[in-house]
Protein backbone atom coordinates (compact mmCIF):
# COMPACT_ATOMS: atom_id res chain seq x y z
CA MET A 1 11.10 -3.28 10.87
CA ALA A 2 10.42 0.03 11.99
CA ASP A 3 8.85 0.82 8.85
CA LEU A 4 6.09 -1.85 9.81
CA ASN A 5 5.23 0.00 12.86
CA SER A 6 5.14 3.59 11.07
CA ASP A 7 2.41 5.39 9.38
CA LYS A 8 4.11 5.06 6.22
CA ALA A 9 2.49 3.42 2.93
CA LEU A 10 4.57 0.52 2.08
CA ILE A 11 5.10 -1.33 -1.22
CA CYS A 12 4.97 -5.14 -1.15
CA ARG A 13 4.50 -7.76 -3.71
CA LYS A 14 2.86 -11.32 -3.65
CA GLU A 15 4.03 -14.29 -5.84
CA ILE A 16 1.34 -16.14 -6.96
CA ASN A 17 1.85 -19.89 -8.65
CA GLY A 18 -1.08 -21.71 -10.23
CA GLU A 19 -1.95 -23.99 -13.00
CA GLN A 20 -1.69 -21.30 -15.55
CA GLY A 21 1.87 -20.23 -14.43
CA SER A 22 3.12 -17.65 -12.08
CA ALA A 23 2.72 -13.77 -11.48
CA THR A 24 3.76 -11.13 -9.25
CA VAL A 25 1.03 -8.87 -7.88
CA TRP A 26 1.95 -5.43 -6.45
CA HIS A 27 0.28 -3.94 -3.44
CA VAL A 28 0.41 -0.97 -1.37
CA LEU A 29 0.20 -1.68 2.39
CA LEU A 30 -1.52 1.07 4.63
CA SER A 31 -0.76 1.61 8.20
CA ASP A 32 -4.22 0.34 9.23
CA GLY A 33 -3.23 -3.15 7.55
CA HIS A 34 -5.32 -2.55 4.37
CA LEU A 35 -3.89 -3.64 1.08
CA ILE A 36 -4.34 -1.65 -1.98
CA ASP A 37 -4.14 -4.24 -5.00
CA CYS A 38 -2.11 -2.58 -7.90
CA GLY A 39 -2.24 -5.36 -10.46
CA SER A 40 0.16 -7.61 -11.85
CA SER A 41 0.56 -5.83 -15.27
CA PHE A 42 3.63 -4.27 -16.90
CA PHE A 43 2.82 -1.22 -15.01
CA ALA A 44 1.80 -2.61 -11.63
CA GLU A 45 5.06 -2.14 -9.88
CA ARG A 46 5.47 1.53 -11.00
CA ARG A 47 1.66 2.16 -10.06
CA ALA A 48 2.41 0.84 -6.47
CA HIS A 49 5.47 3.16 -6.18
CA VAL A 50 3.55 6.21 -7.49
CA LEU A 51 0.51 5.37 -5.17
CA ALA A 52 2.81 5.09 -2.10
CA ASP A 53 4.67 8.01 -2.91
CA MET A 54 1.43 10.10 -3.27
CA ILE A 55 0.28 8.71 0.18
CA ASN A 56 3.47 9.45 1.82
CA GLU A 57 3.74 12.80 0.54
CA ALA A 58 0.36 13.92 1.68
CA GLY A 59 0.90 12.59 5.03
CA PRO A 60 0.51 8.93 5.65
CA GLU A 61 -0.48 9.89 9.09
CA ARG A 62 -3.87 10.71 7.74
CA LEU A 63 -4.58 7.27 7.11
CA SER A 64 -3.48 5.99 10.49
CA ARG A 65 -5.79 4.07 12.59
CA GLN A 66 -5.93 6.67 15.03
CA ALA A 67 -6.90 9.57 12.40
CA LEU A 68 -9.55 7.38 10.99
CA LYS A 69 -11.09 6.93 14.15
CA ALA A 70 -11.25 10.82 15.06
CA PRO A 71 -13.93 12.89 13.26
CA GLN A 72 -12.38 15.28 10.86
CA HIS A 73 -13.70 18.79 11.00
CA ASP A 74 -12.24 21.55 8.64
């Protein structure tokens, strides 16, 4: 539960059942609540893991609500 309140990018999946069958869609959940859809293809789970790892290595706090509100000056 602590991860949900952190700035970490998290991997999640959504199970979809429909007339055409079922599918697993992989997402990356950002700390501000946005979901990045990584698809449901053969590579979707790995894509989600790589993307979350890249975000977390770069500093997930850069995508936090607070960081996005404050102007960034280099």
